[in-house]
Structure formats: C-alpha cells, structure tokens
Amino acid sequence: MIETSRLRLRPLTQQDWPFFLRLHLYPQVMRFISDLSEQSHIREQFDGRLIDWHKESKAWLTLLIEEKDTGEPVGLHGFLSSWLPYQQAELGFMLTPEHQGKGYAKESTRAVIDFAFNQCGYHKLTATVTEGNEASFNLLTRLGFEHEGTLRDNYRIGEQWCHDQKLGLITPH
C-alpha cells in the first residue's frame, strides 16, 4: 500500500469490479486510451490484474486510488513491469471525471514514481500519451518525464489514427 497526504493506493480486490467497470465505460476517460469495450473484455482485463504482483512478472501492478478520508475510489494507477533485462516499467493512470482537476493525478503519480524507483529499484519509467491528451502530457513533463519521441499513426481509437508520444524518466541516482 502507498499513502500520500490525501490518497491511499492499494492493490485491486474482487470488490473493486464495479468501480473498474464504471471507470472503463466513461467515454471522457477512455477517449485517449482505447475504444469502449464490451463488459466481458473489461472483466478479462480486471481478472488479469488480480494477481500476486512482483516486478519480474511482466504484468501490470494495478492500484486503486482512494481518498483517505472517505474511502471513495477516484481512479487507477500503476505500471507494466519489464524488469528484465533493463529494469523498466510503463506508467499508466485513469481518474473518474469528477475527480479530475483536484491534483489527485499529480499526487498519486509522484507516489508511484517514488515507489517504483526507491522501493522496487527500477532504472527507468516510460509513459505513452496519445497526442492531444495535453493534461497527461503536461503532468508527466512537470514531474520530470522527458518527451523522447512521437510514433506517428501508431494506434487507432475509433476510426481515427493517433500519434503516441513516448516519455521517459530515469532514476535520479
């Protein structure tokens, strides 16, 4: 478990399914991530993240972000581990629309960066941001990520080809 002044980040449990589903059905959350999926596909993703995670697993560490004071879930955070051979992980996060703009993404991302570098020993964190998602791009660059390049027409959302912006952050030590 990771804690900040306002938030608690903890591994997913079976009881988090309704929130996970709801988050993946918000068009305004998914617009820069992927097409909206059928519930069965979302359930497969959820079940695949209910694991006993370790950094060598080549799997997502998926953490539920909740407000400390209320216990209300606000989003998901975590990273996809690629420990071998280069000790890297790809960061990702999603917040419900009603919890965006409150600084939760910045607060939780700082905590996940600290955990990845100082507790897990990763050398580098990466992130992929769909071009046009200025909020995520700006947040990550403010936290020290550098834009390492753009992959043109790298992904499709709906009928639209999207450019992926690749960002990286190398451990400070």
N, C-alpha and C. Protein backbone atom coordinates (compact mmCIF):
# COMPACT_ATOMS: atom_id res chain seq x y z
N MET A 1 0.84 -1.18 0.00
CA MET A 1 0.00 0.00 0.00
C MET A 1 0.89 1.25 0.00
N ILE A 2 0.45 2.24 -0.75
CA ILE A 2 1.16 3.52 -0.84
C ILE A 2 0.20 4.59 -0.32
N GLU A 3 0.71 5.49 0.51
CA GLU A 3 -0.13 6.57 1.03
C GLU A 3 0.50 7.92 0.76
N THR A 4 -0.37 8.90 0.50
CA THR A 4 0.03 10.29 0.37
C THR A 4 -0.79 11.06 1.40
N SER A 5 -0.70 12.37 1.37
CA SER A 5 -1.46 13.15 2.36
C SER A 5 -2.97 12.97 2.22
N ARG A 6 -3.46 12.80 0.98
CA ARG A 6 -4.91 12.68 0.76
C ARG A 6 -5.36 11.34 0.24
N LEU A 7 -4.43 10.53 -0.25
CA LEU A 7 -4.79 9.33 -1.00
C LEU A 7 -4.16 8.06 -0.45
N ARG A 8 -4.81 6.96 -0.74
CA ARG A 8 -4.29 5.62 -0.47
C ARG A 8 -4.34 4.86 -1.79
N LEU A 9 -3.24 4.23 -2.14
CA LEU A 9 -3.16 3.40 -3.35
C LEU A 9 -2.93 1.98 -2.89
N ARG A 10 -3.85 1.09 -3.28
CA ARG A 10 -3.77 -0.30 -2.83
C ARG A 10 -4.07 -1.24 -3.99
N PRO A 11 -3.60 -2.49 -3.89
CA PRO A 11 -3.88 -3.45 -4.96
C PRO A 11 -5.38 -3.69 -5.12
N LEU A 12 -5.78 -3.99 -6.35
CA LEU A 12 -7.18 -4.30 -6.64
C LEU A 12 -7.63 -5.55 -5.89
N THR A 13 -8.91 -5.58 -5.55
CA THR A 13 -9.54 -6.77 -4.99
C THR A 13 -10.79 -7.08 -5.80
N GLN A 14 -11.38 -8.24 -5.59
CA GLN A 14 -12.62 -8.61 -6.29
C GLN A 14 -13.71 -7.57 -6.07
N GLN A 15 -13.74 -6.95 -4.89
CA GLN A 15 -14.77 -5.96 -4.57
C GLN A 15 -14.66 -4.69 -5.40
N ASP A 16 -13.56 -4.50 -6.10
CA ASP A 16 -13.35 -3.29 -6.90
C ASP A 16 -13.91 -3.41 -8.32
N TRP A 17 -14.48 -4.56 -8.66
CA TRP A 17 -15.00 -4.77 -10.01
C TRP A 17 -16.01 -3.71 -10.44
N PRO A 18 -17.02 -3.35 -9.64
CA PRO A 18 -17.98 -2.34 -10.11
C PRO A 18 -17.31 -1.00 -10.46
N PHE A 19 -16.34 -0.59 -9.66
CA PHE A 19 -15.64 0.66 -9.96
C PHE A 19 -14.80 0.53 -11.22
N PHE A 20 -14.06 -0.57 -11.35
CA PHE A 20 -13.22 -0.81 -12.52
C PHE A 20 -14.06 -0.76 -13.79
N LEU A 21 -15.21 -1.42 -13.76
CA LEU A 21 -16.12 -1.43 -14.91
C LEU A 21 -16.60 -0.02 -15.22
N ARG A 22 -17.08 0.68 -14.21
CA ARG A 22 -17.61 2.04 -14.41
C ARG A 22 -16.54 2.95 -15.02
N LEU A 23 -15.33 2.89 -14.50
CA LEU A 23 -14.24 3.73 -14.99
C LEU A 23 -13.96 3.45 -16.47
N HIS A 24 -14.00 2.18 -16.87
CA HIS A 24 -13.72 1.81 -18.26
C HIS A 24 -14.88 2.08 -19.22
N LEU A 25 -16.02 2.50 -18.68
CA LEU A 25 -17.17 2.82 -19.53
C LEU A 25 -17.39 4.32 -19.70
N TYR A 26 -16.58 5.15 -19.04
CA TYR A 26 -16.68 6.60 -19.20
C TYR A 26 -16.04 7.01 -20.53
N PRO A 27 -16.82 7.53 -21.48
CA PRO A 27 -16.21 7.96 -22.75
C PRO A 27 -15.14 9.04 -22.54
N GLN A 28 -15.35 9.96 -21.60
CA GLN A 28 -14.37 11.03 -21.39
C GLN A 28 -13.08 10.53 -20.74
N VAL A 29 -13.10 9.37 -20.07
CA VAL A 29 -11.89 8.77 -19.53
C VAL A 29 -11.17 7.98 -20.63
N MET A 30 -11.93 7.27 -21.43
CA MET A 30 -11.35 6.35 -22.41
C MET A 30 -10.95 7.03 -23.72
N ARG A 31 -11.33 8.27 -23.94
CA ARG A 31 -11.13 8.89 -25.26
C ARG A 31 -9.68 8.93 -25.72
N PHE A 32 -8.71 8.92 -24.78
CA PHE A 32 -7.30 8.90 -25.17
C PHE A 32 -6.64 7.55 -24.87
N ILE A 33 -7.44 6.56 -24.47
CA ILE A 33 -6.88 5.26 -24.08
C ILE A 33 -7.24 4.18 -25.09
N SER A 34 -8.52 4.00 -25.34
CA SER A 34 -8.95 2.97 -26.29
C SER A 34 -10.44 3.13 -26.57
N ASP A 35 -10.92 2.35 -27.51
CA ASP A 35 -12.36 2.29 -27.75
C ASP A 35 -13.04 1.72 -26.51
N LEU A 36 -14.30 2.06 -26.33
CA LEU A 36 -15.07 1.45 -25.25
C LEU A 36 -15.21 -0.03 -25.57
N SER A 37 -15.05 -0.86 -24.56
CA SER A 37 -15.08 -2.31 -24.74
C SER A 37 -16.36 -2.90 -24.18
N GLU A 38 -16.63 -4.12 -24.59
CA GLU A 38 -17.73 -4.89 -24.03
C GLU A 38 -17.37 -5.26 -22.59
N GLN A 39 -18.41 -5.44 -21.78
CA GLN A 39 -18.19 -5.77 -20.38
C GLN A 39 -17.34 -7.04 -20.21
N SER A 40 -17.52 -8.02 -21.07
CA SER A 40 -16.75 -9.27 -20.96
C SER A 40 -15.25 -9.02 -21.15
N HIS A 41 -14.90 -8.13 -22.07
CA HIS A 41 -13.49 -7.81 -22.29
C HIS A 41 -12.93 -7.04 -21.10
N ILE A 42 -13.69 -6.11 -20.55
CA ILE A 42 -13.26 -5.36 -19.38
C ILE A 42 -13.05 -6.31 -18.20
N ARG A 43 -13.94 -7.30 -18.08
CA ARG A 43 -13.80 -8.28 -17.00
C ARG A 43 -12.52 -9.09 -17.15
N GLU A 44 -12.16 -9.46 -18.38
CA GLU A 44 -10.90 -10.17 -18.63
C GLU A 44 -9.71 -9.34 -18.18
N GLN A 45 -9.75 -8.04 -18.51
CA GLN A 45 -8.67 -7.15 -18.08
C GLN A 45 -8.59 -7.10 -16.55
N PHE A 46 -9.75 -6.95 -15.92
CA PHE A 46 -9.81 -6.89 -14.47
C PHE A 46 -9.24 -8.16 -13.84
N ASP A 47 -9.72 -9.31 -14.30
CA ASP A 47 -9.26 -10.58 -13.75
C ASP A 47 -7.75 -10.76 -13.93
N GLY A 48 -7.21 -10.27 -15.05
CA GLY A 48 -5.78 -10.37 -15.31
C GLY A 48 -4.94 -9.49 -14.41
N ARG A 49 -5.59 -8.57 -13.72
CA ARG A 49 -4.85 -7.68 -12.83
C ARG A 49 -4.99 -8.06 -11.37
N LEU A 50 -5.77 -9.08 -11.10
CA LEU A 50 -5.91 -9.60 -9.74
C LEU A 50 -4.85 -10.68 -9.52
N ILE A 51 -3.62 -10.26 -9.43
CA ILE A 51 -2.51 -11.20 -9.33
C ILE A 51 -1.66 -10.87 -8.11
N ASP A 52 -0.85 -11.83 -7.73
CA ASP A 52 0.16 -11.59 -6.70
C ASP A 52 1.36 -10.99 -7.44
N TRP A 53 1.37 -9.67 -7.58
CA TRP A 53 2.33 -8.98 -8.43
C TRP A 53 3.73 -9.00 -7.83
N HIS A 54 4.72 -9.15 -8.70
CA HIS A 54 6.12 -8.91 -8.36
C HIS A 54 6.78 -8.35 -9.61
N LYS A 55 7.87 -7.62 -9.43
CA LYS A 55 8.44 -6.87 -10.55
C LYS A 55 8.95 -7.74 -11.70
N GLU A 56 9.22 -9.01 -11.46
CA GLU A 56 9.68 -9.91 -12.53
C GLU A 56 8.51 -10.50 -13.32
N SER A 57 7.28 -10.16 -12.98
CA SER A 57 6.11 -10.84 -13.55
C SER A 57 5.70 -10.40 -14.95
N LYS A 58 6.26 -9.34 -15.49
CA LYS A 58 5.86 -8.80 -16.81
C LYS A 58 4.36 -8.57 -16.85
N ALA A 59 3.82 -8.05 -15.76
CA ALA A 59 2.39 -7.82 -15.62
C ALA A 59 2.16 -6.44 -15.00
N TRP A 60 0.91 -6.00 -15.12
CA TRP A 60 0.53 -4.71 -14.54
C TRP A 60 0.43 -4.80 -13.02
N LEU A 61 1.05 -3.87 -12.33
CA LEU A 61 0.74 -3.59 -10.93
C LEU A 61 -0.38 -2.56 -11.01
N THR A 62 -1.58 -2.95 -10.67
CA THR A 62 -2.73 -2.05 -10.76
C THR A 62 -3.18 -1.70 -9.36
N LEU A 63 -3.16 -0.41 -9.07
CA LEU A 63 -3.51 0.09 -7.75
C LEU A 63 -4.78 0.92 -7.84
N LEU A 64 -5.70 0.68 -6.92
CA LEU A 64 -6.89 1.51 -6.80
C LEU A 64 -6.50 2.75 -6.00
N ILE A 65 -6.85 3.92 -6.52
CA ILE A 65 -6.61 5.18 -5.80
C ILE A 65 -7.90 5.50 -5.06
N GLU A 66 -7.80 5.71 -3.75
CA GLU A 66 -8.98 6.10 -2.99
C GLU A 66 -8.65 7.26 -2.07
N GLU A 67 -9.66 8.09 -1.80
CA GLU A 67 -9.49 9.18 -0.85
C GLU A 67 -9.34 8.59 0.54
N LYS A 68 -8.35 9.07 1.27
CA LYS A 68 -8.14 8.57 2.62
C LYS A 68 -9.33 8.87 3.53
N ASP A 69 -9.84 10.08 3.45
CA ASP A 69 -10.89 10.50 4.37
C ASP A 69 -12.21 9.76 4.16
N THR A 70 -12.55 9.49 2.91
CA THR A 70 -13.87 8.92 2.61
C THR A 70 -13.82 7.46 2.17
N GLY A 71 -12.64 7.00 1.71
CA GLY A 71 -12.53 5.66 1.14
C GLY A 71 -13.10 5.57 -0.26
N GLU A 72 -13.54 6.71 -0.80
CA GLU A 72 -14.14 6.72 -2.14
C GLU A 72 -13.07 6.47 -3.21
N PRO A 73 -13.32 5.53 -4.14
CA PRO A 73 -12.36 5.31 -5.22
C PRO A 73 -12.40 6.47 -6.21
N VAL A 74 -11.20 6.89 -6.65
CA VAL A 74 -11.11 8.01 -7.59
C VAL A 74 -10.45 7.62 -8.91
N GLY A 75 -9.76 6.48 -8.94
CA GLY A 75 -9.10 6.10 -10.16
C GLY A 75 -8.20 4.90 -9.99
N LEU A 76 -7.41 4.65 -11.02
CA LEU A 76 -6.45 3.55 -11.03
C LEU A 76 -5.08 4.10 -11.39
N HIS A 77 -4.05 3.48 -10.87
CA HIS A 77 -2.68 3.87 -11.19
C HIS A 77 -1.83 2.61 -11.20
N GLY A 78 -0.68 2.70 -11.76
CA GLY A 78 0.24 1.58 -11.71
C GLY A 78 1.19 1.56 -12.88
N PHE A 79 1.81 0.40 -13.08
CA PHE A 79 2.76 0.28 -14.18
C PHE A 79 2.88 -1.17 -14.63
N LEU A 80 3.26 -1.29 -15.91
CA LEU A 80 3.51 -2.59 -16.52
C LEU A 80 5.01 -2.85 -16.41
N SER A 81 5.36 -3.89 -15.68
CA SER A 81 6.76 -4.19 -15.41
C SER A 81 7.44 -4.88 -16.58
N SER A 82 8.62 -4.37 -16.92
CA SER A 82 9.54 -5.04 -17.84
C SER A 82 10.89 -5.08 -17.13
N TRP A 83 10.94 -5.83 -16.04
CA TRP A 83 12.12 -5.82 -15.17
C TRP A 83 13.37 -6.33 -15.90
N LEU A 84 13.24 -7.45 -16.60
CA LEU A 84 14.40 -7.98 -17.30
C LEU A 84 14.34 -7.61 -18.77
N PRO A 85 15.38 -7.18 -19.39
CA PRO A 85 16.72 -7.07 -18.84
C PRO A 85 17.09 -5.66 -18.34
N TYR A 86 16.21 -4.66 -18.52
CA TYR A 86 16.65 -3.28 -18.31
C TYR A 86 15.98 -2.54 -17.17
N GLN A 87 15.26 -3.22 -16.30
CA GLN A 87 14.64 -2.61 -15.12
C GLN A 87 13.80 -1.38 -15.49
N GLN A 88 12.83 -1.61 -16.39
CA GLN A 88 11.95 -0.53 -16.82
C GLN A 88 10.49 -0.90 -16.55
N ALA A 89 9.65 0.12 -16.51
CA ALA A 89 8.22 -0.09 -16.35
C ALA A 89 7.48 1.04 -17.06
N GLU A 90 6.29 0.71 -17.61
CA GLU A 90 5.47 1.73 -18.27
C GLU A 90 4.33 2.14 -17.35
N LEU A 91 4.31 3.42 -17.03
CA LEU A 91 3.35 4.02 -16.11
C LEU A 91 2.01 4.27 -16.81
N GLY A 92 0.92 4.12 -16.06
CA GLY A 92 -0.40 4.45 -16.59
C GLY A 92 -1.35 4.80 -15.46
N PHE A 93 -2.30 5.69 -15.75
CA PHE A 93 -3.29 6.07 -14.74
C PHE A 93 -4.57 6.53 -15.40
N MET A 94 -5.67 6.41 -14.64
CA MET A 94 -7.01 6.84 -15.08
C MET A 94 -7.75 7.37 -13.86
N LEU A 95 -8.42 8.50 -14.01
CA LEU A 95 -9.24 9.05 -12.93
C LEU A 95 -10.65 9.30 -13.43
N THR A 96 -11.62 9.14 -12.54
CA THR A 96 -13.00 9.44 -12.91
C THR A 96 -13.11 10.92 -13.24
N PRO A 97 -14.04 11.30 -14.10
CA PRO A 97 -14.18 12.71 -14.47
C PRO A 97 -14.40 13.63 -13.26
N GLU A 98 -15.19 13.17 -12.29
CA GLU A 98 -15.48 14.02 -11.14
C GLU A 98 -14.29 14.22 -10.21
N HIS A 99 -13.22 13.43 -10.39
CA HIS A 99 -12.03 13.59 -9.55
C HIS A 99 -10.85 14.19 -10.31
N GLN A 100 -11.06 14.53 -11.56
CA GLN A 100 -10.00 15.19 -12.32
C GLN A 100 -9.95 16.66 -11.93
N GLY A 101 -8.76 17.25 -12.04
CA GLY A 101 -8.60 18.67 -11.73
C GLY A 101 -8.44 18.97 -10.25
N LYS A 102 -8.27 17.95 -9.43
CA LYS A 102 -8.11 18.15 -7.99
C LYS A 102 -6.68 17.89 -7.51
N GLY A 103 -5.79 17.60 -8.45
CA GLY A 103 -4.40 17.32 -8.10
C GLY A 103 -4.16 15.87 -7.72
N TYR A 104 -5.17 15.01 -7.84
CA TYR A 104 -5.01 13.60 -7.47
C TYR A 104 -4.05 12.87 -8.41
N ALA A 105 -4.10 13.18 -9.69
CA ALA A 105 -3.20 12.51 -10.64
C ALA A 105 -1.75 12.85 -10.31
N LYS A 106 -1.48 14.10 -10.02
CA LYS A 106 -0.12 14.53 -9.69
C LYS A 106 0.35 13.88 -8.39
N GLU A 107 -0.51 13.90 -7.38
CA GLU A 107 -0.16 13.35 -6.07
C GLU A 107 0.09 11.84 -6.17
N SER A 108 -0.78 11.13 -6.85
CA SER A 108 -0.61 9.67 -6.95
C SER A 108 0.56 9.31 -7.85
N THR A 109 0.78 10.08 -8.92
CA THR A 109 1.90 9.78 -9.81
C THR A 109 3.23 9.99 -9.11
N ARG A 110 3.35 11.06 -8.34
CA ARG A 110 4.58 11.26 -7.54
C ARG A 110 4.84 10.06 -6.64
N ALA A 111 3.79 9.58 -5.98
CA ALA A 111 3.94 8.45 -5.06
C ALA A 111 4.33 7.17 -5.80
N VAL A 112 3.74 6.94 -6.97
CA VAL A 112 4.07 5.74 -7.75
C VAL A 112 5.50 5.82 -8.28
N ILE A 113 5.93 7.00 -8.71
CA ILE A 113 7.31 7.18 -9.16
C ILE A 113 8.27 6.86 -8.01
N ASP A 114 7.99 7.39 -6.85
CA ASP A 114 8.84 7.15 -5.68
C ASP A 114 8.89 5.65 -5.36
N PHE A 115 7.74 5.00 -5.38
CA PHE A 115 7.67 3.56 -5.12
C PHE A 115 8.49 2.78 -6.15
N ALA A 116 8.30 3.10 -7.43
CA ALA A 116 8.99 2.36 -8.49
C ALA A 116 10.51 2.50 -8.39
N PHE A 117 10.98 3.70 -8.14
CA PHE A 117 12.42 3.91 -8.08
C PHE A 117 13.01 3.48 -6.73
N ASN A 118 12.40 3.88 -5.65
CA ASN A 118 13.02 3.69 -4.33
C ASN A 118 12.67 2.38 -3.64
N GLN A 119 11.51 1.81 -3.93
CA GLN A 119 11.15 0.54 -3.31
C GLN A 119 11.43 -0.65 -4.24
N CYS A 120 11.18 -0.44 -5.53
CA CYS A 120 11.34 -1.55 -6.49
C CYS A 120 12.68 -1.56 -7.19
N GLY A 121 13.35 -0.41 -7.27
CA GLY A 121 14.66 -0.35 -7.90
C GLY A 121 14.67 -0.24 -9.41
N TYR A 122 13.57 0.25 -10.01
CA TYR A 122 13.57 0.43 -11.47
C TYR A 122 14.59 1.49 -11.87
N HIS A 123 15.13 1.32 -13.07
CA HIS A 123 16.07 2.29 -13.64
C HIS A 123 15.34 3.38 -14.43
N LYS A 124 14.25 3.00 -15.11
CA LYS A 124 13.56 3.95 -15.97
C LYS A 124 12.07 3.66 -15.97
N LEU A 125 11.29 4.75 -15.99
CA LEU A 125 9.84 4.66 -16.19
C LEU A 125 9.52 5.30 -17.52
N THR A 126 8.60 4.70 -18.25
CA THR A 126 8.15 5.26 -19.51
C THR A 126 6.65 5.52 -19.42
N ALA A 127 6.15 6.29 -20.35
CA ALA A 127 4.71 6.53 -20.45
C ALA A 127 4.39 6.78 -21.91
N THR A 128 3.23 6.35 -22.33
CA THR A 128 2.73 6.61 -23.67
C THR A 128 1.49 7.47 -23.53
N VAL A 129 1.52 8.64 -24.16
CA VAL A 129 0.39 9.57 -24.09
C VAL A 129 -0.10 9.83 -25.50
N THR A 130 -1.37 9.56 -25.74
CA THR A 130 -1.96 9.83 -27.05
C THR A 130 -1.89 11.34 -27.30
N GLU A 131 -1.40 11.70 -28.48
CA GLU A 131 -1.31 13.11 -28.82
C GLU A 131 -2.69 13.75 -28.70
N GLY A 132 -2.74 14.90 -28.06
CA GLY A 132 -4.00 15.58 -27.79
C GLY A 132 -4.37 15.52 -26.32
N ASN A 133 -3.81 14.57 -25.60
CA ASN A 133 -4.06 14.46 -24.16
C ASN A 133 -3.07 15.37 -23.43
N GLU A 134 -3.33 16.66 -23.57
CA GLU A 134 -2.40 17.66 -23.01
C GLU A 134 -2.30 17.59 -21.49
N ALA A 135 -3.40 17.26 -20.82
CA ALA A 135 -3.38 17.21 -19.35
C ALA A 135 -2.36 16.16 -18.86
N SER A 136 -2.41 14.96 -19.43
CA SER A 136 -1.47 13.92 -19.01
C SER A 136 -0.04 14.24 -19.44
N PHE A 137 0.12 14.72 -20.68
CA PHE A 137 1.45 15.07 -21.17
C PHE A 137 2.08 16.14 -20.28
N ASN A 138 1.33 17.20 -19.98
CA ASN A 138 1.87 18.29 -19.16
C ASN A 138 2.15 17.83 -17.73
N LEU A 139 1.28 17.00 -17.19
CA LEU A 139 1.52 16.49 -15.83
C LEU A 139 2.83 15.71 -15.78
N LEU A 140 3.02 14.81 -16.72
CA LEU A 140 4.22 13.98 -16.70
C LEU A 140 5.48 14.81 -16.92
N THR A 141 5.45 15.77 -17.81
CA THR A 141 6.64 16.60 -18.02
C THR A 141 6.93 17.47 -16.80
N ARG A 142 5.90 17.95 -16.12
CA ARG A 142 6.12 18.71 -14.88
C ARG A 142 6.76 17.83 -13.80
N LEU A 143 6.52 16.53 -13.85
CA LEU A 143 7.10 15.61 -12.87
C LEU A 143 8.46 15.07 -13.31
N GLY A 144 9.00 15.59 -14.40
CA GLY A 144 10.35 15.24 -14.81
C GLY A 144 10.48 14.33 -16.02
N PHE A 145 9.38 13.79 -16.52
CA PHE A 145 9.45 12.96 -17.72
C PHE A 145 9.86 13.83 -18.90
N GLU A 146 10.66 13.25 -19.79
CA GLU A 146 11.08 13.94 -21.00
C GLU A 146 10.42 13.29 -22.20
N HIS A 147 10.02 14.14 -23.15
CA HIS A 147 9.43 13.65 -24.40
C HIS A 147 10.56 13.06 -25.23
N GLU A 148 10.51 11.76 -25.46
CA GLU A 148 11.59 11.07 -26.17
C GLU A 148 11.28 10.85 -27.64
N GLY A 149 10.04 11.10 -28.04
CA GLY A 149 9.70 10.94 -29.44
C GLY A 149 8.22 10.70 -29.63
N THR A 150 7.79 10.78 -30.88
CA THR A 150 6.39 10.55 -31.23
C THR A 150 6.32 9.49 -32.31
N LEU A 151 5.48 8.50 -32.07
CA LEU A 151 5.23 7.45 -33.06
C LEU A 151 3.97 7.82 -33.81
N ARG A 152 4.13 8.14 -35.08
CA ARG A 152 3.00 8.61 -35.89
C ARG A 152 2.09 7.47 -36.29
N ASP A 153 0.78 7.76 -36.30
CA ASP A 153 -0.24 6.78 -36.68
C ASP A 153 0.04 5.42 -36.05
N ASN A 154 0.28 5.43 -34.76
CA ASN A 154 0.70 4.23 -34.05
C ASN A 154 -0.44 3.45 -33.43
N TYR A 155 -1.62 4.06 -33.34
CA TYR A 155 -2.71 3.45 -32.61
C TYR A 155 -4.03 3.95 -33.19
N ARG A 156 -5.06 3.14 -33.11
CA ARG A 156 -6.39 3.56 -33.59
C ARG A 156 -7.36 3.62 -32.42
N ILE A 157 -8.05 4.72 -32.35
CA ILE A 157 -9.18 4.85 -31.43
C ILE A 157 -10.36 5.22 -32.30
N GLY A 158 -11.35 4.35 -32.32
CA GLY A 158 -12.45 4.54 -33.26
C GLY A 158 -11.91 4.39 -34.67
N GLU A 159 -12.27 5.30 -35.51
CA GLU A 159 -11.79 5.27 -36.89
C GLU A 159 -10.59 6.18 -37.09
N GLN A 160 -10.06 6.73 -36.01
CA GLN A 160 -9.00 7.74 -36.08
C GLN A 160 -7.63 7.15 -35.73
N TRP A 161 -6.67 7.35 -36.62
CA TRP A 161 -5.29 7.01 -36.30
C TRP A 161 -4.75 8.06 -35.34
N CYS A 162 -4.00 7.62 -34.35
CA CYS A 162 -3.47 8.52 -33.32
C CYS A 162 -1.95 8.40 -33.27
N HIS A 163 -1.33 9.52 -32.93
CA HIS A 163 0.11 9.54 -32.67
C HIS A 163 0.32 9.27 -31.19
N ASP A 164 1.32 8.44 -30.87
CA ASP A 164 1.69 8.17 -29.49
C ASP A 164 2.94 8.95 -29.14
N GLN A 165 2.85 9.72 -28.08
CA GLN A 165 4.00 10.45 -27.56
C GLN A 165 4.65 9.58 -26.49
N LYS A 166 5.93 9.32 -26.65
CA LYS A 166 6.68 8.49 -25.71
C LYS A 166 7.48 9.38 -24.77
N LEU A 167 7.31 9.12 -23.48
CA LEU A 167 8.03 9.89 -22.47
C LEU A 167 8.83 8.96 -21.59
N GLY A 168 9.91 9.48 -21.01
CA GLY A 168 10.74 8.66 -20.14
C GLY A 168 11.28 9.45 -18.97
N LEU A 169 11.50 8.74 -17.88
CA LEU A 169 12.09 9.32 -16.65
C LEU A 169 13.09 8.31 -16.13
N ILE A 170 14.33 8.75 -15.98
CA ILE A 170 15.40 7.88 -15.49
C ILE A 170 15.59 8.15 -14.00
N THR A 171 15.85 7.08 -13.26
CA THR A 171 16.01 7.21 -11.82
C THR A 171 17.04 8.30 -11.49
N PRO A 172 16.78 9.08 -10.46
CA PRO A 172 17.68 10.20 -10.15
C PRO A 172 19.02 9.80 -9.55
N HIS A 173 19.24 8.56 -9.16
CA HIS A 173 20.54 8.23 -8.55
C HIS A 173 21.47 7.58 -9.50
